[in-house]
Amino acid sequence: MPREVLSYHIVMVLSKGNLLLERFDERISHIVESGWTVKWARDIMYIRAVGASSQKGGGSRRLSMAHLQSMFVLLLIGEGLALVALIVEVVMRKIL
């Protein structure tokens, strides 16, 4: 038996007689039984620990705009391709 026993009360407020009540109850039961709540709690604790250590100068670094520049370039290329595809569709529709 582990030292710590965690009990999470997950609540979703729905009106009485709602058709989705049973489905939500099943999904919440599956989430709790599969251990996602424990994983989420561990992730939160890890993020808090990393955040505290990065402020002290150790641990991981936070991303800056220089780190994300390549992602913005890829985003602009994708949006440009989408715009070209839209223009081609509009022109083809007018031709046909």
PDB file of N, CA and C in Angstrom:
ATOM      1  N   MET A   1       0.851  -1.181   0.000  1.00  0.00           N
ATOM      2  CA  MET A   1       0.000   0.000   0.000  1.00  0.00           C
ATOM      3  C   MET A   1       0.894   1.242   0.000  1.00  0.00           C
ATOM      4  N   PRO A   2       0.644   2.166  -0.908  1.00  0.00           N
ATOM      5  CA  PRO A   2       1.465   3.377  -0.939  1.00  0.00           C
ATOM      6  C   PRO A   2       1.236   4.234   0.303  1.00  0.00           C
ATOM      7  N   ARG A   3       2.213   5.065   0.573  1.00  0.00           N
ATOM      8  CA  ARG A   3       2.131   5.934   1.755  1.00  0.00           C
ATOM      9  C   ARG A   3       1.014   6.961   1.632  1.00  0.00           C
ATOM     10  N   GLU A   4       0.882   7.507   0.443  1.00  0.00           N
ATOM     11  CA  GLU A   4      -0.105   8.554   0.239  1.00  0.00           C
ATOM     12  C   GLU A   4      -1.274   8.017  -0.576  1.00  0.00           C
ATOM     13  N   VAL A   5      -2.442   8.248  -0.110  1.00  0.00           N
ATOM     14  CA  VAL A   5      -3.642   7.865  -0.845  1.00  0.00           C
ATOM     15  C   VAL A   5      -4.319   9.151  -1.284  1.00  0.00           C
ATOM     16  N   LEU A   6      -4.478   9.290  -2.602  1.00  0.00           N
ATOM     17  CA  LEU A   6      -5.067  10.505  -3.153  1.00  0.00           C
ATOM     18  C   LEU A   6      -6.506  10.244  -3.550  1.00  0.00           C
ATOM     19  N   SER A   7      -7.348  11.165  -3.257  1.00  0.00           N
ATOM     20  CA  SER A   7      -8.753  11.068  -3.646  1.00  0.00           C
ATOM     21  C   SER A   7      -9.123  12.363  -4.345  1.00  0.00           C
ATOM     22  N   TYR A   8      -9.490  12.249  -5.601  1.00  0.00           N
ATOM     23  CA  TYR A   8      -9.869  13.426  -6.373  1.00  0.00           C
ATOM     24  C   TYR A   8     -11.373  13.399  -6.599  1.00  0.00           C
ATOM     25  N   HIS A   9     -12.004  14.473  -6.279  1.00  0.00           N
ATOM     26  CA  HIS A   9     -13.432  14.592  -6.514  1.00  0.00           C
ATOM     27  C   HIS A   9     -13.625  15.450  -7.758  1.00  0.00           C
ATOM     28  N   ILE A  10     -13.940  14.811  -8.851  1.00  0.00           N
ATOM     29  CA  ILE A  10     -14.156  15.515 -10.103  1.00  0.00           C
ATOM     30  C   ILE A  10     -15.657  15.693 -10.266  1.00  0.00           C
ATOM     31  N   VAL A  11     -16.068  16.925 -10.453  1.00  0.00           N
ATOM     32  CA  VAL A  11     -17.490  17.230 -10.520  1.00  0.00           C
ATOM     33  C   VAL A  11     -17.764  17.988 -11.803  1.00  0.00           C
ATOM     34  N   MET A  12     -18.836  17.629 -12.453  1.00  0.00           N
ATOM     35  CA  MET A  12     -19.308  18.363 -13.618  1.00  0.00           C
ATOM     36  C   MET A  12     -20.768  18.694 -13.363  1.00  0.00           C
ATOM     37  N   VAL A  13     -21.099  19.946 -13.376  1.00  0.00           N
ATOM     38  CA  VAL A  13     -22.449  20.378 -13.043  1.00  0.00           C
ATOM     39  C   VAL A  13     -23.321  20.314 -14.293  1.00  0.00           C
ATOM     40  N   LEU A  14     -24.355  19.491 -14.221  1.00  0.00           N
ATOM     41  CA  LEU A  14     -25.334  19.374 -15.296  1.00  0.00           C
ATOM     42  C   LEU A  14     -26.720  19.461 -14.685  1.00  0.00           C
ATOM     43  N   SER A  15     -27.663  19.903 -15.468  1.00  0.00           N
ATOM     44  CA  SER A  15     -29.030  20.008 -14.955  1.00  0.00           C
ATOM     45  C   SER A  15     -29.631  18.618 -14.778  1.00  0.00           C
ATOM     46  N   LYS A  16     -30.596  18.536 -13.897  1.00  0.00           N
ATOM     47  CA  LYS A  16     -31.237  17.261 -13.598  1.00  0.00           C
ATOM     48  C   LYS A  16     -31.977  16.756 -14.840  1.00  0.00           C
ATOM     49  N   GLY A  17     -31.778  15.489 -15.148  1.00  0.00           N
ATOM     50  CA  GLY A  17     -32.435  14.894 -16.305  1.00  0.00           C
ATOM     51  C   GLY A  17     -31.713  15.127 -17.622  1.00  0.00           C
ATOM     52  N   ASN A  18     -30.503  15.653 -17.580  1.00  0.00           N
ATOM     53  CA  ASN A  18     -29.737  15.905 -18.796  1.00  0.00           C
ATOM     54  C   ASN A  18     -29.404  14.578 -19.468  1.00  0.00           C
ATOM     55  N   LEU A  19     -29.518  14.527 -20.784  1.00  0.00           N
ATOM     56  CA  LEU A  19     -29.272  13.292 -21.532  1.00  0.00           C
ATOM     57  C   LEU A  19     -27.810  12.860 -21.483  1.00  0.00           C
ATOM     58  N   LEU A  20     -26.905  13.798 -21.282  1.00  0.00           N
ATOM     59  CA  LEU A  20     -25.481  13.489 -21.288  1.00  0.00           C
ATOM     60  C   LEU A  20     -24.932  13.131 -19.917  1.00  0.00           C
ATOM     61  N   LEU A  21     -25.776  13.131 -18.888  1.00  0.00           N
ATOM     62  CA  LEU A  21     -25.313  12.897 -17.526  1.00  0.00           C
ATOM     63  C   LEU A  21     -24.615  11.550 -17.377  1.00  0.00           C
ATOM     64  N   GLU A  22     -25.207  10.488 -17.892  1.00  0.00           N
ATOM     65  CA  GLU A  22     -24.608   9.153 -17.765  1.00  0.00           C
ATOM     66  C   GLU A  22     -23.290   9.062 -18.525  1.00  0.00           C
ATOM     67  N   ARG A  23     -23.229   9.664 -19.689  1.00  0.00           N
ATOM     68  CA  ARG A  23     -21.992   9.624 -20.484  1.00  0.00           C
ATOM     69  C   ARG A  23     -20.863  10.361 -19.775  1.00  0.00           C
ATOM     70  N   PHE A  24     -21.182  11.524 -19.210  1.00  0.00           N
ATOM     71  CA  PHE A  24     -20.158  12.262 -18.480  1.00  0.00           C
ATOM     72  C   PHE A  24     -19.700  11.489 -17.250  1.00  0.00           C
ATOM     73  N   ASP A  25     -20.629  10.857 -16.558  1.00  0.00           N
ATOM     74  CA  ASP A  25     -20.258  10.046 -15.396  1.00  0.00           C
ATOM     75  C   ASP A  25     -19.315   8.914 -15.794  1.00  0.00           C
ATOM     76  N   GLU A  26     -19.600   8.262 -16.928  1.00  0.00           N
ATOM     77  CA  GLU A  26     -18.728   7.182 -17.415  1.00  0.00           C
ATOM     78  C   GLU A  26     -17.344   7.715 -17.754  1.00  0.00           C
ATOM     79  N   ARG A  27     -17.300   8.836 -18.464  1.00  0.00           N
ATOM     80  CA  ARG A  27     -15.999   9.398 -18.866  1.00  0.00           C
ATOM     81  C   ARG A  27     -15.187   9.799 -17.646  1.00  0.00           C
ATOM     82  N   ILE A  28     -15.817  10.428 -16.665  1.00  0.00           N
ATOM     83  CA  ILE A  28     -15.103  10.831 -15.458  1.00  0.00           C
ATOM     84  C   ILE A  28     -14.599   9.609 -14.715  1.00  0.00           C
ATOM     85  N   SER A  29     -15.413   8.557 -14.648  1.00  0.00           N
ATOM     86  CA  SER A  29     -14.970   7.312 -14.003  1.00  0.00           C
ATOM     87  C   SER A  29     -13.772   6.721 -14.718  1.00  0.00           C
ATOM     88  N   HIS A  30     -13.787   6.731 -16.044  1.00  0.00           N
ATOM     89  CA  HIS A  30     -12.661   6.202 -16.820  1.00  0.00           C
ATOM     90  C   HIS A  30     -11.396   7.011 -16.565  1.00  0.00           C
ATOM     91  N   ILE A  31     -11.529   8.330 -16.496  1.00  0.00           N
ATOM     92  CA  ILE A  31     -10.367   9.187 -16.249  1.00  0.00           C
ATOM     93  C   ILE A  31      -9.764   8.890 -14.885  1.00  0.00           C
ATOM     94  N   VAL A  32     -10.600   8.774 -13.876  1.00  0.00           N
ATOM     95  CA  VAL A  32     -10.109   8.514 -12.518  1.00  0.00           C
ATOM     96  C   VAL A  32      -9.500   7.123 -12.429  1.00  0.00           C
ATOM     97  N   GLU A  33     -10.179   6.114 -12.994  1.00  0.00           N
ATOM     98  CA  GLU A  33      -9.703   4.741 -12.891  1.00  0.00           C
ATOM     99  C   GLU A  33      -8.418   4.500 -13.681  1.00  0.00           C
ATOM    100  N   SER A  34      -8.234   5.227 -14.775  1.00  0.00           N
ATOM    101  CA  SER A  34      -7.033   5.015 -15.582  1.00  0.00           C
ATOM    102  C   SER A  34      -5.806   5.720 -15.009  1.00  0.00           C
ATOM    103  N   GLY A  35      -6.001   6.591 -14.031  1.00  0.00           N
ATOM    104  CA  GLY A  35      -4.861   7.226 -13.388  1.00  0.00           C
ATOM    105  C   GLY A  35      -4.456   8.558 -13.970  1.00  0.00           C
ATOM    106  N   TRP A  36      -5.282   9.119 -14.826  1.00  0.00           N
ATOM    107  CA  TRP A  36      -4.941  10.417 -15.414  1.00  0.00           C
ATOM    108  C   TRP A  36      -4.846  11.502 -14.366  1.00  0.00           C
ATOM    109  N   THR A  37      -5.675  11.450 -13.344  1.00  0.00           N
ATOM    110  CA  THR A  37      -5.636  12.494 -12.316  1.00  0.00           C
ATOM    111  C   THR A  37      -4.306  12.473 -11.570  1.00  0.00           C
ATOM    112  N   VAL A  38      -3.774  11.269 -11.326  1.00  0.00           N
ATOM    113  CA  VAL A  38      -2.476  11.163 -10.657  1.00  0.00           C
ATOM    114  C   VAL A  38      -1.381  11.714 -11.563  1.00  0.00           C
ATOM    115  N   LYS A  39      -1.454  11.384 -12.859  1.00  0.00           N
ATOM    116  CA  LYS A  39      -0.457  11.891 -13.810  1.00  0.00           C
ATOM    117  C   LYS A  39      -0.510  13.408 -13.888  1.00  0.00           C
ATOM    118  N   TRP A  40      -1.719  13.964 -13.948  1.00  0.00           N
ATOM    119  CA  TRP A  40      -1.849  15.413 -14.011  1.00  0.00           C
ATOM    120  C   TRP A  40      -1.298  16.067 -12.748  1.00  0.00           C
ATOM    121  N   ALA A  41      -1.540  15.458 -11.591  1.00  0.00           N
ATOM    122  CA  ALA A  41      -1.020  16.009 -10.341  1.00  0.00           C
ATOM    123  C   ALA A  41       0.507  15.977 -10.337  1.00  0.00           C
ATOM    124  N   ARG A  42       1.101  14.880 -10.815  1.00  0.00           N
ATOM    125  CA  ARG A  42       2.562  14.792 -10.895  1.00  0.00           C
ATOM    126  C   ARG A  42       3.123  15.812 -11.874  1.00  0.00           C
ATOM    127  N   ASP A  43       2.455  15.996 -13.002  1.00  0.00           N
ATOM    128  CA  ASP A  43       2.900  16.990 -13.982  1.00  0.00           C
ATOM    129  C   ASP A  43       2.875  18.392 -13.398  1.00  0.00           C
ATOM    130  N   ILE A  44       1.837  18.701 -12.655  1.00  0.00           N
ATOM    131  CA  ILE A  44       1.739  20.019 -12.030  1.00  0.00           C
ATOM    132  C   ILE A  44       2.864  20.218 -11.027  1.00  0.00           C
ATOM    133  N   MET A  45       3.129  19.195 -10.227  1.00  0.00           N
ATOM    134  CA  MET A  45       4.215  19.292  -9.247  1.00  0.00           C
ATOM    135  C   MET A  45       5.568  19.453  -9.949  1.00  0.00           C
ATOM    136  N   TYR A  46       5.764  18.745 -11.066  1.00  0.00           N
ATOM    137  CA  TYR A  46       7.015  18.851 -11.823  1.00  0.00           C
ATOM    138  C   TYR A  46       7.174  20.263 -12.402  1.00  0.00           C
ATOM    139  N   ILE A  47       6.095  20.791 -12.961  1.00  0.00           N
ATOM    140  CA  ILE A  47       6.155  22.128 -13.542  1.00  0.00           C
ATOM    141  C   ILE A  47       6.462  23.163 -12.465  1.00  0.00           C
ATOM    142  N   ARG A  48       5.862  22.994 -11.302  1.00  0.00           N
ATOM    143  CA  ARG A  48       6.163  23.919 -10.204  1.00  0.00           C
ATOM    144  C   ARG A  48       7.626  23.822  -9.791  1.00  0.00           C
ATOM    145  N   ALA A  49       8.164  22.602  -9.737  1.00  0.00           N
ATOM    146  CA  ALA A  49       9.560  22.425  -9.334  1.00  0.00           C
ATOM    147  C   ALA A  49      10.504  23.007 -10.382  1.00  0.00           C
ATOM    148  N   VAL A  50      10.215  22.766 -11.656  1.00  0.00           N
ATOM    149  CA  VAL A  50      11.067  23.290 -12.725  1.00  0.00           C
ATOM    150  C   VAL A  50      10.977  24.805 -12.763  1.00  0.00           C
ATOM    151  N   GLY A  51       9.793  25.351 -12.568  1.00  0.00           N
ATOM    152  CA  GLY A  51       9.628  26.808 -12.559  1.00  0.00           C
ATOM    153  C   GLY A  51      10.418  27.443 -11.432  1.00  0.00           C
ATOM    154  N   ALA A  52      10.419  26.814 -10.257  1.00  0.00           N
ATOM    155  CA  ALA A  52      11.163  27.359  -9.119  1.00  0.00           C
ATOM    156  C   ALA A  52      12.663  27.264  -9.362  1.00  0.00           C
ATOM    157  N   SER A  53      13.123  26.145  -9.947  1.00  0.00           N
ATOM    158  CA  SER A  53      14.562  25.989 -10.177  1.00  0.00           C
ATOM    159  C   SER A  53      15.041  26.886 -11.311  1.00  0.00           C
ATOM    160  N   SER A  54      14.200  27.126 -12.325  1.00  0.00           N
ATOM    161  CA  SER A  54      14.637  27.990 -13.424  1.00  0.00           C
ATOM    162  C   SER A  54      14.733  29.440 -12.969  1.00  0.00           C
ATOM    163  N   GLN A  55      13.933  29.825 -11.978  1.00  0.00           N
ATOM    164  CA  GLN A  55      14.038  31.183 -11.461  1.00  0.00           C
ATOM    165  C   GLN A  55      15.301  31.356 -10.638  1.00  0.00           C
ATOM    166  N   LYS A  56      15.820  30.256 -10.078  1.00  0.00           N
ATOM    167  CA  LYS A  56      17.049  30.331  -9.285  1.00  0.00           C
ATOM    168  C   LYS A  56      18.296  30.242 -10.161  1.00  0.00           C
ATOM    169  N   GLY A  57      18.106  30.027 -11.443  1.00  0.00           N
ATOM    170  CA  GLY A  57      19.252  29.992 -12.338  1.00  0.00           C
ATOM    171  C   GLY A  57      19.594  28.595 -12.836  1.00  0.00           C
ATOM    172  N   GLY A  58      19.032  27.560 -12.267  1.00  0.00           N
ATOM    173  CA  GLY A  58      19.297  26.205 -12.723  1.00  0.00           C
ATOM    174  C   GLY A  58      18.093  25.661 -13.452  1.00  0.00           C
ATOM    175  N   GLY A  59      18.185  24.425 -13.916  1.00  0.00           N
ATOM    176  CA  GLY A  59      17.042  23.786 -14.558  1.00  0.00           C
ATOM    177  C   GLY A  59      16.895  24.192 -16.007  1.00  0.00           C
ATOM    178  N   SER A  60      15.685  24.127 -16.485  1.00  0.00           N
ATOM    179  CA  SER A  60      15.437  24.405 -17.893  1.00  0.00           C
ATOM    180  C   SER A  60      15.264  25.903 -18.136  1.00  0.00           C
ATOM    181  N   ARG A  61      15.413  26.275 -19.416  1.00  0.00           N
ATOM    182  CA  ARG A  61      15.249  27.676 -19.792  1.00  0.00           C
ATOM    183  C   ARG A  61      13.871  27.885 -20.387  1.00  0.00           C
ATOM    184  N   ARG A  62      13.401  29.085 -20.295  1.00  0.00           N
ATOM    185  CA  ARG A  62      12.128  29.431 -20.924  1.00  0.00           C
ATOM    186  C   ARG A  62      12.396  29.818 -22.371  1.00  0.00           C
ATOM    187  N   LEU A  63      11.423  29.531 -23.236  1.00  0.00           N
ATOM    188  CA  LEU A  63      11.578  29.840 -24.649  1.00  0.00           C
ATOM    189  C   LEU A  63      11.349  31.329 -24.891  1.00  0.00           C
ATOM    190  N   SER A  64      12.177  31.874 -25.763  1.00  0.00           N
ATOM    191  CA  SER A  64      12.014  33.274 -26.142  1.00  0.00           C
ATOM    192  C   SER A  64      11.541  33.331 -27.592  1.00  0.00           C
ATOM    193  N   MET A  65      11.325  34.525 -28.099  1.00  0.00           N
ATOM    194  CA  MET A  65      10.887  34.677 -29.484  1.00  0.00           C
ATOM    195  C   MET A  65      11.942  34.166 -30.465  1.00  0.00           C
ATOM    196  N   ALA A  66      13.210  34.251 -30.096  1.00  0.00           N
ATOM    197  CA  ALA A  66      14.268  33.740 -30.980  1.00  0.00           C
ATOM    198  C   ALA A  66      14.156  32.227 -31.137  1.00  0.00           C
ATOM    199  N   HIS A  67      13.758  31.532 -30.076  1.00  0.00           N
ATOM    200  CA  HIS A  67      13.594  30.086 -30.162  1.00  0.00           C
ATOM    201  C   HIS A  67      12.402  29.719 -31.049  1.00  0.00           C
ATOM    202  N   LEU A  68      11.399  30.558 -31.059  1.00  0.00           N
ATOM    203  CA  LEU A  68      10.164  30.247 -31.772  1.00  0.00           C
ATOM    204  C   LEU A  68      10.112  30.828 -33.185  1.00  0.00           C
ATOM    205  N   GLN A  69      11.172  31.460 -33.626  1.00  0.00           N
ATOM    206  CA  GLN A  69      11.162  32.128 -34.922  1.00  0.00           C
ATOM    207  C   GLN A  69      10.907  31.147 -36.063  1.00  0.00           C
ATOM    208  N   SER A  70      11.510  29.973 -36.033  1.00  0.00           N
ATOM    209  CA  SER A  70      11.315  29.011 -37.118  1.00  0.00           C
ATOM    210  C   SER A  70       9.869  28.540 -37.189  1.00  0.00           C
ATOM    211  N   MET A  71       9.209  28.430 -36.049  1.00  0.00           N
ATOM    212  CA  MET A  71       7.807  28.023 -36.052  1.00  0.00           C
ATOM    213  C   MET A  71       6.929  29.096 -36.693  1.00  0.00           C
ATOM    214  N   PHE A  72       7.241  30.370 -36.449  1.00  0.00           N
ATOM    215  CA  PHE A  72       6.481  31.438 -37.076  1.00  0.00           C
ATOM    216  C   PHE A  72       6.713  31.460 -38.585  1.00  0.00           C
ATOM    217  N   VAL A  73       7.926  31.150 -39.023  1.00  0.00           N
ATOM    218  CA  VAL A  73       8.212  31.090 -40.460  1.00  0.00           C
ATOM    219  C   VAL A  73       7.398  29.967 -41.089  1.00  0.00           C
ATOM    220  N   LEU A  74       7.369  28.789 -40.446  1.00  0.00           N
ATOM    221  CA  LEU A  74       6.571  27.680 -40.970  1.00  0.00           C
ATOM    222  C   LEU A  74       5.081  28.027 -40.979  1.00  0.00           C
ATOM    223  N   LEU A  75       4.621  28.741 -39.977  1.00  0.00           N
ATOM    224  CA  LEU A  75       3.223  29.168 -39.931  1.00  0.00           C
ATOM    225  C   LEU A  75       2.902  30.080 -41.108  1.00  0.00           C
ATOM    226  N   LEU A  76       3.775  31.036 -41.380  1.00  0.00           N
ATOM    227  CA  LEU A  76       3.545  31.948 -42.500  1.00  0.00           C
ATOM    228  C   LEU A  76       3.579  31.219 -43.838  1.00  0.00           C
ATOM    229  N   ILE A  77       4.462  30.257 -43.988  1.00  0.00           N
ATOM    230  CA  ILE A  77       4.511  29.474 -45.229  1.00  0.00           C
ATOM    231  C   ILE A  77       3.212  28.695 -45.396  1.00  0.00           C
ATOM    232  N   GLY A  78       2.738  28.077 -44.328  1.00  0.00           N
ATOM    233  CA  GLY A  78       1.484  27.328 -44.392  1.00  0.00           C
ATOM    234  C   GLY A  78       0.302  28.213 -44.716  1.00  0.00           C
ATOM    235  N   GLU A  79       0.249  29.407 -44.117  1.00  0.00           N
ATOM    236  CA  GLU A  79      -0.847  30.322 -44.406  1.00  0.00           C
ATOM    237  C   GLU A  79      -0.770  30.836 -45.843  1.00  0.00           C
ATOM    238  N   GLY A  80       0.439  31.025 -46.345  1.00  0.00           N
ATOM    239  CA  GLY A  80       0.604  31.432 -47.746  1.00  0.00           C
ATOM    240  C   GLY A  80       0.115  30.359 -48.700  1.00  0.00           C
ATOM    241  N   LEU A  81       0.455  29.094 -48.401  1.00  0.00           N
ATOM    242  CA  LEU A  81      -0.019  27.987 -49.241  1.00  0.00           C
ATOM    243  C   LEU A  81      -1.542  27.863 -49.177  1.00  0.00           C
ATOM    244  N   ALA A  82      -2.112  28.075 -48.012  1.00  0.00           N
ATOM    245  CA  ALA A  82      -3.567  28.016 -47.869  1.00  0.00           C
ATOM    246  C   ALA A  82      -4.228  29.137 -48.671  1.00  0.00           C
ATOM    247  N   LEU A  83      -3.631  30.315 -48.667  1.00  0.00           N
ATOM    248  CA  LEU A  83      -4.173  31.430 -49.436  1.00  0.00           C
ATOM    249  C   LEU A  83      -4.111  31.142 -50.934  1.00  0.00           C
ATOM    250  N   VAL A  84      -3.002  30.564 -51.392  1.00  0.00           N
ATOM    251  CA  VAL A  84      -2.876  30.198 -52.807  1.00  0.00           C
ATOM    252  C   VAL A  84      -3.927  29.160 -53.172  1.00  0.00           C
ATOM    253  N   ALA A  85      -4.141  28.163 -52.322  1.00  0.00           N
ATOM    254  CA  ALA A  85      -5.149  27.137 -52.587  1.00  0.00           C
ATOM    255  C   ALA A  85      -6.549  27.749 -52.646  1.00  0.00           C
ATOM    256  N   LEU A  86      -6.832  28.715 -51.765  1.00  0.00           N
ATOM    257  CA  LEU A  86      -8.137  29.381 -51.781  1.00  0.00           C
ATOM    258  C   LEU A  86      -8.340  30.152 -53.077  1.00  0.00           C
ATOM    259  N   ILE A  87      -7.310  30.874 -53.509  1.00  0.00           N
ATOM    260  CA  ILE A  87      -7.416  31.651 -54.752  1.00  0.00           C
ATOM    261  C   ILE A  87      -7.629  30.732 -55.936  1.00  0.00           C
ATOM    262  N   VAL A  88      -6.915  29.607 -55.979  1.00  0.00           N
ATOM    263  CA  VAL A  88      -7.073  28.639 -57.072  1.00  0.00           C
ATOM    264  C   VAL A  88      -8.494  28.088 -57.077  1.00  0.00           C
ATOM    265  N   GLU A  89      -9.050  27.771 -55.919  1.00  0.00           N
ATOM    266  CA  GLU A  89     -10.411  27.250 -55.855  1.00  0.00           C
ATOM    267  C   GLU A  89     -11.427  28.279 -56.339  1.00  0.00           C
ATOM    268  N   VAL A  90     -11.255  29.539 -55.945  1.00  0.00           N
ATOM    269  CA  VAL A  90     -12.185  30.588 -56.373  1.00  0.00           C
ATOM    270  C   VAL A  90     -12.103  30.780 -57.876  1.00  0.00           C
ATOM    271  N   VAL A  91     -10.888  30.815 -58.408  1.00  0.00           N
ATOM    272  CA  VAL A  91     -10.723  30.995 -59.859  1.00  0.00           C
ATOM    273  C   VAL A  91     -11.291  29.809 -60.612  1.00  0.00           C
ATOM    274  N   MET A  92     -11.043  28.599 -60.152  1.00  0.00           N
ATOM    275  CA  MET A  92     -11.565  27.402 -60.829  1.00  0.00           C
ATOM    276  C   MET A  92     -13.102  27.368 -60.784  1.00  0.00           C
ATOM    277  N   ARG A  93     -13.684  27.837 -59.699  1.00  0.00           N
ATOM    278  CA  ARG A  93     -15.139  27.836 -59.592  1.00  0.00           C
ATOM    279  C   ARG A  93     -15.753  28.821 -60.584  1.00  0.00           C
ATOM    280  N   LYS A  94     -15.078  29.969 -60.780  1.00  0.00           N
ATOM    281  CA  LYS A  94     -15.601  30.954 -61.728  1.00  0.00           C
ATOM    282  C   LYS A  94     -15.441  30.460 -63.163  1.00  0.00           C
ATOM    283  N   ILE A  95     -14.399  29.694 -63.435  1.00  0.00           N
ATOM    284  CA  ILE A  95     -14.161  29.181 -64.791  1.00  0.00           C
ATOM    285  C   ILE A  95     -15.192  28.108 -65.116  1.00  0.00           C
ATOM    286  N   LEU A  96     -15.441  27.227 -64.165  1.00  0.00           N
ATOM    287  CA  LEU A  96     -16.378  26.129 -64.422  1.00  0.00           C
ATOM    288  C   LEU A  96     -17.777  26.650 -64.244  1.00  0.00           C
TER     289      LEU A  96
END
